[in-house]
Amino acid sequence: MSYPKVALIGLGLIASSMFWAMRRAGMDSHVTGYARSQDTRDTARRIGLCDEIVDTAEDAVRGADLVVLAVPVGAMGRVAQAIGPCLKPGCSITDVGSVKAAVIEQVRPHLPEGVNFVPAHPMAGTEHSGPEAGFAQLFDNRWCLIVPDGASDEATERLEAYWQALGANTERMDVAHHDQVCAVVSHIPHLIAYTMVGVADDLSRVSDQEVIKFSAAGFRDFTRIAASDPTMWRDVFMNNKDATLEILGRFTEELFALQRCIRTGDGDTLHDYFTRTRGIRRGIVEAGQDTDAPDFGRGGKKD
């Protein structure tokens, strides 16, 4: 399902991938793009990203049938305030943020009557960022969570069809459940990765860089996650505090239990625990959300 005119506000990995996926799908939408940074706009123009790159968010959204907010969560409210008066009656506005309660709270007050706000969250990404990081296959067989929160069925179904045309699977979810689920599957894993890499960096300072030099696959995967955009993740944790702190508390309890098993030599409990978690990994592979190829299928790929 295409929209005659689409405005992408923010031109990083997600927005650029959306544009290339739209072109792959044969959508004839006219796509206008805007990014706050002049350098980013210049890069977008150079690589042919979007049909037109403009110098203000207001110009980007005029006449648009779909407006996509692809900016850090902490900037959503400011952008919505700027573009609100320029939105066409009957248009749809969506976002790609990994937090929903805070985004809805920030965005909705600035939208005029007659505008359909359908929050969404594509569960796809890499550790790379910027307009040149995007590629058409990013959303293939990944999930895009749709959080209607009062949006009309017509507007919701149209956005679902749009994301499906980009290659994604879609599922509707309510606000609180979305934020809790994402804390488990995305936010806390990133926080753990940032923490582990930070610990290794501290150790490397007193061990002649040996921790970094001899890193094995497990630590390399931590660094891959920890290389993600720092502004985006700062905003995620500042805007999803309740769910993040709840899941972090549960993680800490599990960690203490494992610590006790190691201290007391309870190998049976450790084995049972690792067996159960290994089964979860197999379930992810069977669901088509990753590959069981050696090195997670990344062997020979350029980092």
C-alpha atoms as a PDB file:
ATOM      1  CA  MET A   1       0.000   0.000   0.000  1.00  0.00           C
ATOM      2  CA  SER A   2       1.719   3.194  -1.141  1.00  0.00           C
ATOM      3  CA  TYR A   3       1.036   6.808  -0.216  1.00  0.00           C
ATOM      4  CA  PRO A   4       1.202   9.415  -3.012  1.00  0.00           C
ATOM      5  CA  LYS A   5       3.594  11.603  -1.030  1.00  0.00           C
ATOM      6  CA  VAL A   6       5.820  10.495   1.852  1.00  0.00           C
ATOM      7  CA  ALA A   7       7.964  12.720   4.084  1.00  0.00           C
ATOM      8  CA  LEU A   8      10.922  11.246   5.942  1.00  0.00           C
ATOM      9  CA  ILE A   9      12.036  13.382   8.872  1.00  0.00           C
ATOM     10  CA  GLY A  10      15.487  12.149   9.842  1.00  0.00           C
ATOM     11  CA  LEU A  11      17.644  10.371   7.265  1.00  0.00           C
ATOM     12  CA  GLY A  12      19.534   7.705   9.192  1.00  0.00           C
ATOM     13  CA  LEU A  13      19.640   3.931   8.840  1.00  0.00           C
ATOM     14  CA  ILE A  14      15.889   3.328   9.209  1.00  0.00           C
ATOM     15  CA  ALA A  15      14.621   6.148   6.994  1.00  0.00           C
ATOM     16  CA  SER A  16      17.159   5.488   4.258  1.00  0.00           C
ATOM     17  CA  SER A  17      16.308   1.771   4.325  1.00  0.00           C
ATOM     18  CA  MET A  18      12.613   2.649   4.091  1.00  0.00           C
ATOM     19  CA  PHE A  19      13.287   4.697   0.961  1.00  0.00           C
ATOM     20  CA  TRP A  20      15.276   1.957  -0.762  1.00  0.00           C
ATOM     21  CA  ALA A  21      12.691  -0.660   0.262  1.00  0.00           C
ATOM     22  CA  MET A  22       9.947   1.523  -1.212  1.00  0.00           C
ATOM     23  CA  ARG A  23      11.820   1.714  -4.486  1.00  0.00           C
ATOM     24  CA  ARG A  24      12.420  -2.047  -4.473  1.00  0.00           C
ATOM     25  CA  ALA A  25       8.682  -2.571  -3.932  1.00  0.00           C
ATOM     26  CA  GLY A  26       7.906  -0.428  -6.972  1.00  0.00           C
ATOM     27  CA  MET A  27       6.079   2.277  -5.027  1.00  0.00           C
ATOM     28  CA  ASP A  28       5.627   5.424  -7.081  1.00  0.00           C
ATOM     29  CA  SER A  29       5.396   7.687  -4.041  1.00  0.00           C
ATOM     30  CA  HIS A  30       7.126  11.057  -4.180  1.00  0.00           C
ATOM     31  CA  VAL A  31       9.493  10.993  -1.197  1.00  0.00           C
ATOM     32  CA  THR A  32      10.694  14.181   0.450  1.00  0.00           C
ATOM     33  CA  GLY A  33      13.454  14.041   3.040  1.00  0.00           C
ATOM     34  CA  TYR A  34      14.805  16.299   5.755  1.00  0.00           C
ATOM     35  CA  ALA A  35      17.602  16.000   8.302  1.00  0.00           C
ATOM     36  CA  ARG A  36      18.734  18.599  10.818  1.00  0.00           C
ATOM     37  CA  SER A  37      22.383  18.350   9.782  1.00  0.00           C
ATOM     38  CA  GLN A  38      23.477  20.088   6.587  1.00  0.00           C
ATOM     39  CA  ASP A  39      26.127  17.406   6.100  1.00  0.00           C
ATOM     40  CA  THR A  40      23.474  14.703   6.254  1.00  0.00           C
ATOM     41  CA  ARG A  41      21.287  16.536   3.734  1.00  0.00           C
ATOM     42  CA  ASP A  42      24.265  16.963   1.415  1.00  0.00           C
ATOM     43  CA  THR A  43      25.086  13.264   1.680  1.00  0.00           C
ATOM     44  CA  ALA A  44      21.471  12.318   0.978  1.00  0.00           C
ATOM     45  CA  ARG A  45      21.470  14.469  -2.144  1.00  0.00           C
ATOM     46  CA  ARG A  46      24.762  12.984  -3.311  1.00  0.00           C
ATOM     47  CA  ILE A  47      23.592   9.354  -3.040  1.00  0.00           C
ATOM     48  CA  GLY A  48      20.146  10.000  -4.516  1.00  0.00           C
ATOM     49  CA  LEU A  49      18.271   9.355  -1.293  1.00  0.00           C
ATOM     50  CA  CYS A  50      14.658  10.571  -1.684  1.00  0.00           C
ATOM     51  CA  ASP A  51      13.190  12.389  -4.666  1.00  0.00           C
ATOM     52  CA  GLU A  52      13.768  15.723  -2.992  1.00  0.00           C
ATOM     53  CA  ILE A  53      15.809  16.852   0.003  1.00  0.00           C
ATOM     54  CA  VAL A  54      14.625  20.083   1.612  1.00  0.00           C
ATOM     55  CA  ASP A  55      16.131  22.344   4.241  1.00  0.00           C
ATOM     56  CA  THR A  56      13.280  22.491   6.773  1.00  0.00           C
ATOM     57  CA  ALA A  57      10.980  19.907   8.314  1.00  0.00           C
ATOM     58  CA  GLU A  58       8.034  22.168   7.573  1.00  0.00           C
ATOM     59  CA  ASP A  59       8.775  22.110   3.846  1.00  0.00           C
ATOM     60  CA  ALA A  60       9.193  18.338   3.912  1.00  0.00           C
ATOM     61  CA  VAL A  61       5.723  17.599   5.311  1.00  0.00           C
ATOM     62  CA  ARG A  62       3.621  20.034   3.269  1.00  0.00           C
ATOM     63  CA  GLY A  63       1.139  18.015   1.229  1.00  0.00           C
ATOM     64  CA  ALA A  64       2.444  14.698   2.558  1.00  0.00           C
ATOM     65  CA  ASP A  65       0.073  11.762   2.930  1.00  0.00           C
ATOM     66  CA  LEU A  66       2.448   9.942   5.278  1.00  0.00           C
ATOM     67  CA  VAL A  67       4.974  11.602   7.589  1.00  0.00           C
ATOM     68  CA  VAL A  68       7.599   9.371   9.225  1.00  0.00           C
ATOM     69  CA  LEU A  69       9.390  10.645  12.324  1.00  0.00           C
ATOM     70  CA  ALA A  70      12.774   8.906  12.179  1.00  0.00           C
ATOM     71  CA  VAL A  71      14.579  11.053  14.739  1.00  0.00           C
ATOM     72  CA  PRO A  72      15.834  10.165  18.240  1.00  0.00           C
ATOM     73  CA  VAL A  73      13.039   9.671  20.764  1.00  0.00           C
ATOM     74  CA  GLY A  74      14.047  12.788  22.694  1.00  0.00           C
ATOM     75  CA  ALA A  75      13.523  14.960  19.596  1.00  0.00           C
ATOM     76  CA  MET A  76      10.058  13.684  18.658  1.00  0.00           C
ATOM     77  CA  GLY A  77       8.110  16.354  20.548  1.00  0.00           C
ATOM     78  CA  ARG A  78      10.172  19.243  19.190  1.00  0.00           C
ATOM     79  CA  VAL A  79       9.760  18.020  15.614  1.00  0.00           C
ATOM     80  CA  ALA A  80       6.020  17.422  16.028  1.00  0.00           C
ATOM     81  CA  GLN A  81       5.584  20.949  17.354  1.00  0.00           C
ATOM     82  CA  ALA A  82       7.381  22.377  14.332  1.00  0.00           C
ATOM     83  CA  ILE A  83       5.496  20.421  11.675  1.00  0.00           C
ATOM     84  CA  GLY A  84       2.040  20.283  13.289  1.00  0.00           C
ATOM     85  CA  PRO A  85       0.665  23.448  11.623  1.00  0.00           C
ATOM     86  CA  CYS A  86       1.895  22.250   8.207  1.00  0.00           C
ATOM     87  CA  LEU A  87       0.263  18.819   8.178  1.00  0.00           C
ATOM     88  CA  LYS A  88      -2.406  18.131   5.573  1.00  0.00           C
ATOM     89  CA  PRO A  89      -5.851  17.206   6.936  1.00  0.00           C
ATOM     90  CA  GLY A  90      -6.361  13.450   6.673  1.00  0.00           C
ATOM     91  CA  CYS A  91      -2.674  12.606   6.488  1.00  0.00           C
ATOM     92  CA  SER A  92      -1.062   9.941   8.644  1.00  0.00           C
ATOM     93  CA  ILE A  93       1.940  10.470  10.873  1.00  0.00           C
ATOM     94  CA  THR A  94       3.997   7.630  12.291  1.00  0.00           C
ATOM     95  CA  ASP A  95       7.351   7.114  13.965  1.00  0.00           C
ATOM     96  CA  VAL A  96      10.036   4.432  14.162  1.00  0.00           C
ATOM     97  CA  GLY A  97      11.060   4.861  17.807  1.00  0.00           C
ATOM     98  CA  SER A  98      11.639   1.905  20.124  1.00  0.00           C
ATOM     99  CA  VAL A  99       9.699   3.606  22.947  1.00  0.00           C
ATOM    100  CA  LYS A 100       6.009   4.321  22.625  1.00  0.00           C
ATOM    101  CA  ALA A 101       4.464   5.803  25.792  1.00  0.00           C
ATOM    102  CA  ALA A 102       6.898   8.735  25.856  1.00  0.00           C
ATOM    103  CA  VAL A 103       6.646   9.324  22.104  1.00  0.00           C
ATOM    104  CA  ILE A 104       2.852   9.408  22.184  1.00  0.00           C
ATOM    105  CA  GLU A 105       2.941  11.796  25.141  1.00  0.00           C
ATOM    106  CA  GLN A 106       5.365  14.109  23.319  1.00  0.00           C
ATOM    107  CA  VAL A 107       3.846  14.019  19.837  1.00  0.00           C
ATOM    108  CA  ARG A 108       0.075  13.847  20.165  1.00  0.00           C
ATOM    109  CA  PRO A 109      -0.501  17.318  21.744  1.00  0.00           C
ATOM    110  CA  HIS A 110       1.044  18.985  18.687  1.00  0.00           C
ATOM    111  CA  LEU A 111      -1.082  17.262  16.038  1.00  0.00           C
ATOM    112  CA  PRO A 112      -4.130  19.033  14.613  1.00  0.00           C
ATOM    113  CA  GLU A 113      -7.578  17.502  14.346  1.00  0.00           C
ATOM    114  CA  GLY A 114      -8.003  15.227  11.356  1.00  0.00           C
ATOM    115  CA  VAL A 115      -4.435  13.896  11.393  1.00  0.00           C
ATOM    116  CA  ASN A 116      -4.029  10.151  11.980  1.00  0.00           C
ATOM    117  CA  PHE A 117      -1.238   9.267  14.412  1.00  0.00           C
ATOM    118  CA  VAL A 118      -0.254   5.601  14.123  1.00  0.00           C
ATOM    119  CA  PRO A 119       2.910   4.883  16.142  1.00  0.00           C
ATOM    120  CA  ALA A 120       5.092   2.054  14.867  1.00  0.00           C
ATOM    121  CA  HIS A 121       8.416   0.378  15.609  1.00  0.00           C
ATOM    122  CA  PRO A 122      10.370  -1.630  13.030  1.00  0.00           C
ATOM    123  CA  MET A 123      12.376  -4.238  14.965  1.00  0.00           C
ATOM    124  CA  ALA A 124      15.349  -4.107  12.628  1.00  0.00           C
ATOM    125  CA  GLY A 125      18.695  -2.405  12.590  1.00  0.00           C
ATOM    126  CA  THR A 126      22.456  -2.658  12.475  1.00  0.00           C
ATOM    127  CA  GLU A 127      25.225  -1.006  14.459  1.00  0.00           C
ATOM    128  CA  HIS A 128      25.732   1.463  11.594  1.00  0.00           C
ATOM    129  CA  SER A 129      24.013   4.825  11.250  1.00  0.00           C
ATOM    130  CA  GLY A 130      23.607   7.668   8.780  1.00  0.00           C
ATOM    131  CA  PRO A 131      22.035   7.941   5.310  1.00  0.00           C
ATOM    132  CA  GLU A 132      24.647   5.721   3.659  1.00  0.00           C
ATOM    133  CA  ALA A 133      23.930   2.844   6.071  1.00  0.00           C
ATOM    134  CA  GLY A 134      20.494   2.041   4.647  1.00  0.00           C
ATOM    135  CA  PHE A 135      19.657  -0.897   2.399  1.00  0.00           C
ATOM    136  CA  ALA A 136      16.433  -2.242   0.932  1.00  0.00           C
ATOM    137  CA  GLN A 137      16.536  -5.651   2.645  1.00  0.00           C
ATOM    138  CA  LEU A 138      16.759  -4.361   6.241  1.00  0.00           C
ATOM    139  CA  PHE A 139      13.107  -5.113   7.080  1.00  0.00           C
ATOM    140  CA  ASP A 140      12.769  -8.455   5.283  1.00  0.00           C
ATOM    141  CA  ASN A 141      11.089 -10.980   7.602  1.00  0.00           C
ATOM    142  CA  ARG A 142      11.599  -8.645  10.569  1.00  0.00           C
ATOM    143  CA  TRP A 143       8.744  -7.442  12.741  1.00  0.00           C
ATOM    144  CA  CYS A 144       7.231  -3.989  12.682  1.00  0.00           C
ATOM    145  CA  LEU A 145       5.096  -3.440  15.772  1.00  0.00           C
ATOM    146  CA  ILE A 146       2.074  -1.220  15.193  1.00  0.00           C
ATOM    147  CA  VAL A 147       0.715   0.595  18.261  1.00  0.00           C
ATOM    148  CA  PRO A 148      -2.569   2.205  17.124  1.00  0.00           C
ATOM    149  CA  ASP A 149      -3.476   3.738  20.516  1.00  0.00           C
ATOM    150  CA  GLY A 150      -6.802   5.056  19.238  1.00  0.00           C
ATOM    151  CA  ALA A 151      -5.967   5.469  15.559  1.00  0.00           C
ATOM    152  CA  SER A 152      -8.681   4.539  13.087  1.00  0.00           C
ATOM    153  CA  ASP A 153      -8.778   1.024  11.647  1.00  0.00           C
ATOM    154  CA  GLU A 154      -8.446   2.452   8.145  1.00  0.00           C
ATOM    155  CA  ALA A 155      -5.264   4.394   8.943  1.00  0.00           C
ATOM    156  CA  THR A 156      -3.831   1.454  10.899  1.00  0.00           C
ATOM    157  CA  GLU A 157      -4.528  -1.077   8.162  1.00  0.00           C
ATOM    158  CA  ARG A 158      -3.015   1.204   5.535  1.00  0.00           C
ATOM    159  CA  LEU A 159       0.201   1.588   7.536  1.00  0.00           C
ATOM    160  CA  GLU A 160       0.343  -2.188   8.115  1.00  0.00           C
ATOM    161  CA  ALA A 161       0.038  -2.799   4.376  1.00  0.00           C
ATOM    162  CA  TYR A 162       2.783  -0.235   3.749  1.00  0.00           C
ATOM    163  CA  TRP A 163       5.213  -1.954   6.136  1.00  0.00           C
ATOM    164  CA  GLN A 164       4.357  -5.355   4.707  1.00  0.00           C
ATOM    165  CA  ALA A 165       5.212  -4.035   1.240  1.00  0.00           C
ATOM    166  CA  LEU A 166       8.624  -3.037   2.638  1.00  0.00           C
ATOM    167  CA  GLY A 167       9.190  -6.694   3.568  1.00  0.00           C
ATOM    168  CA  ALA A 168       8.222  -6.631   7.253  1.00  0.00           C
ATOM    169  CA  ASN A 169       5.848  -8.759   9.277  1.00  0.00           C
ATOM    170  CA  THR A 170       3.436  -6.661  11.337  1.00  0.00           C
ATOM    171  CA  GLU A 171       1.723  -7.124  14.675  1.00  0.00           C
ATOM    172  CA  ARG A 172      -0.445  -4.781  16.712  1.00  0.00           C
ATOM    173  CA  MET A 173       0.446  -4.170  20.332  1.00  0.00           C
ATOM    174  CA  ASP A 174      -0.734  -1.860  23.100  1.00  0.00           C
ATOM    175  CA  VAL A 175       1.544   0.846  24.465  1.00  0.00           C
ATOM    176  CA  ALA A 176       2.567  -0.579  27.851  1.00  0.00           C
ATOM    177  CA  HIS A 177       3.106  -4.084  26.509  1.00  0.00           C
ATOM    178  CA  HIS A 178       5.252  -2.735  23.674  1.00  0.00           C
ATOM    179  CA  ASP A 179       7.547  -0.841  26.018  1.00  0.00           C
ATOM    180  CA  GLN A 180       7.953  -3.841  28.318  1.00  0.00           C
ATOM    181  CA  VAL A 181       8.628  -6.288  25.481  1.00  0.00           C
ATOM    182  CA  CYS A 182      11.225  -3.978  23.957  1.00  0.00           C
ATOM    183  CA  ALA A 183      12.917  -3.549  27.322  1.00  0.00           C
ATOM    184  CA  VAL A 184      13.431  -7.327  27.383  1.00  0.00           C
ATOM    185  CA  VAL A 185      14.430  -8.023  23.774  1.00  0.00           C
ATOM    186  CA  SER A 186      16.286  -4.817  22.954  1.00  0.00           C
ATOM    187  CA  HIS A 187      16.891  -2.197  25.629  1.00  0.00           C
ATOM    188  CA  ILE A 188      18.407  -4.306  28.410  1.00  0.00           C
ATOM    189  CA  PRO A 189      20.585  -6.340  25.985  1.00  0.00           C
ATOM    190  CA  HIS A 190      22.023  -3.062  24.724  1.00  0.00           C
ATOM    191  CA  LEU A 191      22.598  -1.833  28.275  1.00  0.00           C
ATOM    192  CA  ILE A 192      24.383  -5.079  29.146  1.00  0.00           C
ATOM    193  CA  ALA A 193      26.520  -4.818  26.023  1.00  0.00           C
ATOM    194  CA  TYR A 194      27.493  -1.234  26.799  1.00  0.00           C
ATOM    195  CA  THR A 195      28.344  -2.271  30.364  1.00  0.00           C
ATOM    196  CA  MET A 196      30.411  -5.312  29.388  1.00  0.00           C
ATOM    197  CA  VAL A 197      32.392  -3.361  26.813  1.00  0.00           C
ATOM    198  CA  GLY A 198      32.976  -0.647  29.399  1.00  0.00           C
ATOM    199  CA  VAL A 199      34.273  -3.229  31.891  1.00  0.00           C
ATOM    200  CA  ALA A 200      36.589  -4.693  29.251  1.00  0.00           C
ATOM    201  CA  ASP A 201      37.864  -1.238  28.389  1.00  0.00           C
ATOM    202  CA  ASP A 202      38.686  -0.599  32.052  1.00  0.00           C
ATOM    203  CA  LEU A 203      40.534  -3.920  32.234  1.00  0.00           C
ATOM    204  CA  SER A 204      42.404  -3.284  29.011  1.00  0.00           C
ATOM    205  CA  ARG A 205      43.891  -0.140  30.476  1.00  0.00           C
ATOM    206  CA  VAL A 206      45.807  -2.248  33.003  1.00  0.00           C
ATOM    207  CA  SER A 207      46.509  -5.317  30.858  1.00  0.00           C
ATOM    208  CA  ASP A 208      48.261  -3.927  27.776  1.00  0.00           C
ATOM    209  CA  GLN A 209      45.095  -4.129  25.637  1.00  0.00           C
ATOM    210  CA  GLU A 210      44.951  -7.934  26.003  1.00  0.00           C
ATOM    211  CA  VAL A 211      41.178  -7.970  26.554  1.00  0.00           C
ATOM    212  CA  ILE A 212      40.622  -6.242  23.222  1.00  0.00           C
ATOM    213  CA  LYS A 213      43.450  -8.019  21.397  1.00  0.00           C
ATOM    214  CA  PHE A 214      42.253 -11.526  22.235  1.00  0.00           C
ATOM    215  CA  SER A 215      38.498 -10.936  22.053  1.00  0.00           C
ATOM    216  CA  ALA A 216      36.538 -14.012  21.055  1.00  0.00           C
ATOM    217  CA  ALA A 217      33.179 -14.170  19.288  1.00  0.00           C
ATOM    218  CA  GLY A 218      31.052 -13.519  22.391  1.00  0.00           C
ATOM    219  CA  PHE A 219      32.787 -10.261  23.190  1.00  0.00           C
ATOM    220  CA  ARG A 220      32.837  -9.253  19.506  1.00  0.00           C
ATOM    221  CA  ASP A 221      29.049  -9.529  19.464  1.00  0.00           C
ATOM    222  CA  PHE A 222      28.872  -7.291  22.542  1.00  0.00           C
ATOM    223  CA  THR A 223      30.983  -4.677  20.760  1.00  0.00           C
ATOM    224  CA  ARG A 224      28.784  -4.910  17.678  1.00  0.00           C
ATOM    225  CA  ILE A 225      25.734  -4.005  19.759  1.00  0.00           C
ATOM    226  CA  ALA A 226      27.612  -1.383  21.773  1.00  0.00           C
ATOM    227  CA  ALA A 227      28.604   0.399  18.557  1.00  0.00           C
ATOM    228  CA  SER A 228      24.993   1.538  18.057  1.00  0.00           C
ATOM    229  CA  ASP A 229      24.066   5.203  17.889  1.00  0.00           C
ATOM    230  CA  PRO A 230      24.718   6.770  21.339  1.00  0.00           C
ATOM    231  CA  THR A 231      22.164   9.575  21.006  1.00  0.00           C
ATOM    232  CA  MET A 232      19.384   7.175  20.102  1.00  0.00           C
ATOM    233  CA  TRP A 233      20.138   4.852  23.010  1.00  0.00           C
ATOM    234  CA  ARG A 234      20.545   7.644  25.533  1.00  0.00           C
ATOM    235  CA  ASP A 235      17.045   8.812  24.600  1.00  0.00           C
ATOM    236  CA  VAL A 236      15.633   5.283  24.754  1.00  0.00           C
ATOM    237  CA  PHE A 237      16.731   4.777  28.356  1.00  0.00           C
ATOM    238  CA  MET A 238      15.663   8.269  29.428  1.00  0.00           C
ATOM    239  CA  ASN A 239      12.200   7.714  27.943  1.00  0.00           C
ATOM    240  CA  ASN A 240      11.496   4.110  28.915  1.00  0.00           C
ATOM    241  CA  LYS A 241      12.585   4.271  32.543  1.00  0.00           C
ATOM    242  CA  ASP A 242       9.822   2.241  34.181  1.00  0.00           C
ATOM    243  CA  ALA A 243       9.979  -0.807  31.917  1.00  0.00           C
ATOM    244  CA  THR A 244      13.775  -0.708  31.732  1.00  0.00           C
ATOM    245  CA  LEU A 245      14.222  -0.532  35.505  1.00  0.00           C
ATOM    246  CA  GLU A 246      11.701  -3.342  36.046  1.00  0.00           C
ATOM    247  CA  ILE A 247      13.462  -5.707  33.639  1.00  0.00           C
ATOM    248  CA  LEU A 248      16.892  -4.624  34.890  1.00  0.00           C
ATOM    249  CA  GLY A 249      15.786  -5.576  38.406  1.00  0.00           C
ATOM    250  CA  ARG A 250      14.745  -9.027  37.216  1.00  0.00           C
ATOM    251  CA  PHE A 251      18.031  -9.427  35.375  1.00  0.00           C
ATOM    252  CA  THR A 252      19.951  -8.522  38.524  1.00  0.00           C
ATOM    253  CA  GLU A 253      18.049 -11.159  40.507  1.00  0.00           C
ATOM    254  CA  GLU A 254      18.902 -13.802  37.888  1.00  0.00           C
ATOM    255  CA  LEU A 255      22.536 -12.715  37.906  1.00  0.00           C
ATOM    256  CA  PHE A 256      22.737 -13.024  41.690  1.00  0.00           C
ATOM    257  CA  ALA A 257      21.226 -16.530  41.493  1.00  0.00           C
ATOM    258  CA  LEU A 258      23.855 -17.597  38.938  1.00  0.00           C
ATOM    259  CA  GLN A 259      26.562 -16.004  41.068  1.00  0.00           C
ATOM    260  CA  ARG A 260      25.402 -18.121  43.993  1.00  0.00           C
ATOM    261  CA  CYS A 261      25.508 -21.288  41.867  1.00  0.00           C
ATOM    262  CA  ILE A 262      29.085 -20.576  40.832  1.00  0.00           C
ATOM    263  CA  ARG A 263      30.163 -19.785  44.388  1.00  0.00           C
ATOM    264  CA  THR A 264      28.589 -22.960  45.824  1.00  0.00           C
ATOM    265  CA  GLY A 265      29.613 -25.226  42.944  1.00  0.00           C
ATOM    266  CA  ASP A 266      26.018 -25.965  41.886  1.00  0.00           C
ATOM    267  CA  GLY A 267      26.853 -27.218  38.409  1.00  0.00           C
ATOM    268  CA  ASP A 268      23.530 -29.018  37.931  1.00  0.00           C
ATOM    269  CA  THR A 269      21.543 -25.790  38.228  1.00  0.00           C
ATOM    270  CA  LEU A 270      23.921 -24.007  35.857  1.00  0.00           C
ATOM    271  CA  HIS A 271      23.607 -26.822  33.294  1.00  0.00           C
ATOM    272  CA  ASP A 272      19.810 -26.801  33.501  1.00  0.00           C
ATOM    273  CA  TYR A 273      19.731 -23.020  33.162  1.00  0.00           C
ATOM    274  CA  PHE A 274      22.041 -22.984  30.138  1.00  0.00           C
ATOM    275  CA  THR A 275      20.067 -25.803  28.513  1.00  0.00           C
ATOM    276  CA  ARG A 276      16.839 -23.828  28.834  1.00  0.00           C
ATOM    277  CA  THR A 277      18.374 -20.658  27.425  1.00  0.00           C
ATOM    278  CA  ARG A 278      19.968 -22.585  24.566  1.00  0.00           C
ATOM    279  CA  GLY A 279      16.480 -23.698  23.604  1.00  0.00           C
ATOM    280  CA  ILE A 280      15.401 -20.064  23.311  1.00  0.00           C
ATOM    281  CA  ARG A 281      18.220 -19.473  20.830  1.00  0.00           C
ATOM    282  CA  ARG A 282      17.029 -22.423  18.765  1.00  0.00           C
ATOM    283  CA  GLY A 283      13.533 -20.974  18.783  1.00  0.00           C
ATOM    284  CA  ILE A 284      14.815 -17.688  17.371  1.00  0.00           C
ATOM    285  CA  VAL A 285      16.565 -19.506  14.529  1.00  0.00           C
ATOM    286  CA  GLU A 286      13.494 -21.649  13.812  1.00  0.00           C
ATOM    287  CA  ALA A 287      11.365 -18.498  13.682  1.00  0.00           C
ATOM    288  CA  GLY A 288      13.589 -17.185  10.888  1.00  0.00           C
ATOM    289  CA  GLN A 289      14.901 -14.265  12.935  1.00  0.00           C
ATOM    290  CA  ASP A 290      18.545 -15.363  12.653  1.00  0.00           C
ATOM    291  CA  THR A 291      20.676 -18.100  11.131  1.00  0.00           C
ATOM    292  CA  ASP A 292      22.391 -21.071  12.729  1.00  0.00           C
ATOM    293  CA  ALA A 293      25.351 -20.730  10.347  1.00  0.00           C
ATOM    294  CA  PRO A 294      28.783 -20.600  11.995  1.00  0.00           C
ATOM    295  CA  ASP A 295      29.669 -17.182  13.412  1.00  0.00           C
ATOM    296  CA  PHE A 296      25.957 -16.267  13.134  1.00  0.00           C
ATOM    297  CA  GLY A 297      26.295 -16.249   9.352  1.00  0.00           C
ATOM    298  CA  ARG A 298      28.682 -13.319   9.458  1.00  0.00           C
ATOM    299  CA  GLY A 299      31.801 -15.176   8.363  1.00  0.00           C
ATOM    300  CA  GLY A 300      33.519 -13.385   5.524  1.00  0.00           C
ATOM    301  CA  LYS A 301      31.286 -10.329   5.757  1.00  0.00           C
ATOM    302  CA  LYS A 302      32.850  -6.942   6.079  1.00  0.00           C
ATOM    303  CA  ASP A 303      32.417  -5.459   9.553  1.00  0.00           C
END
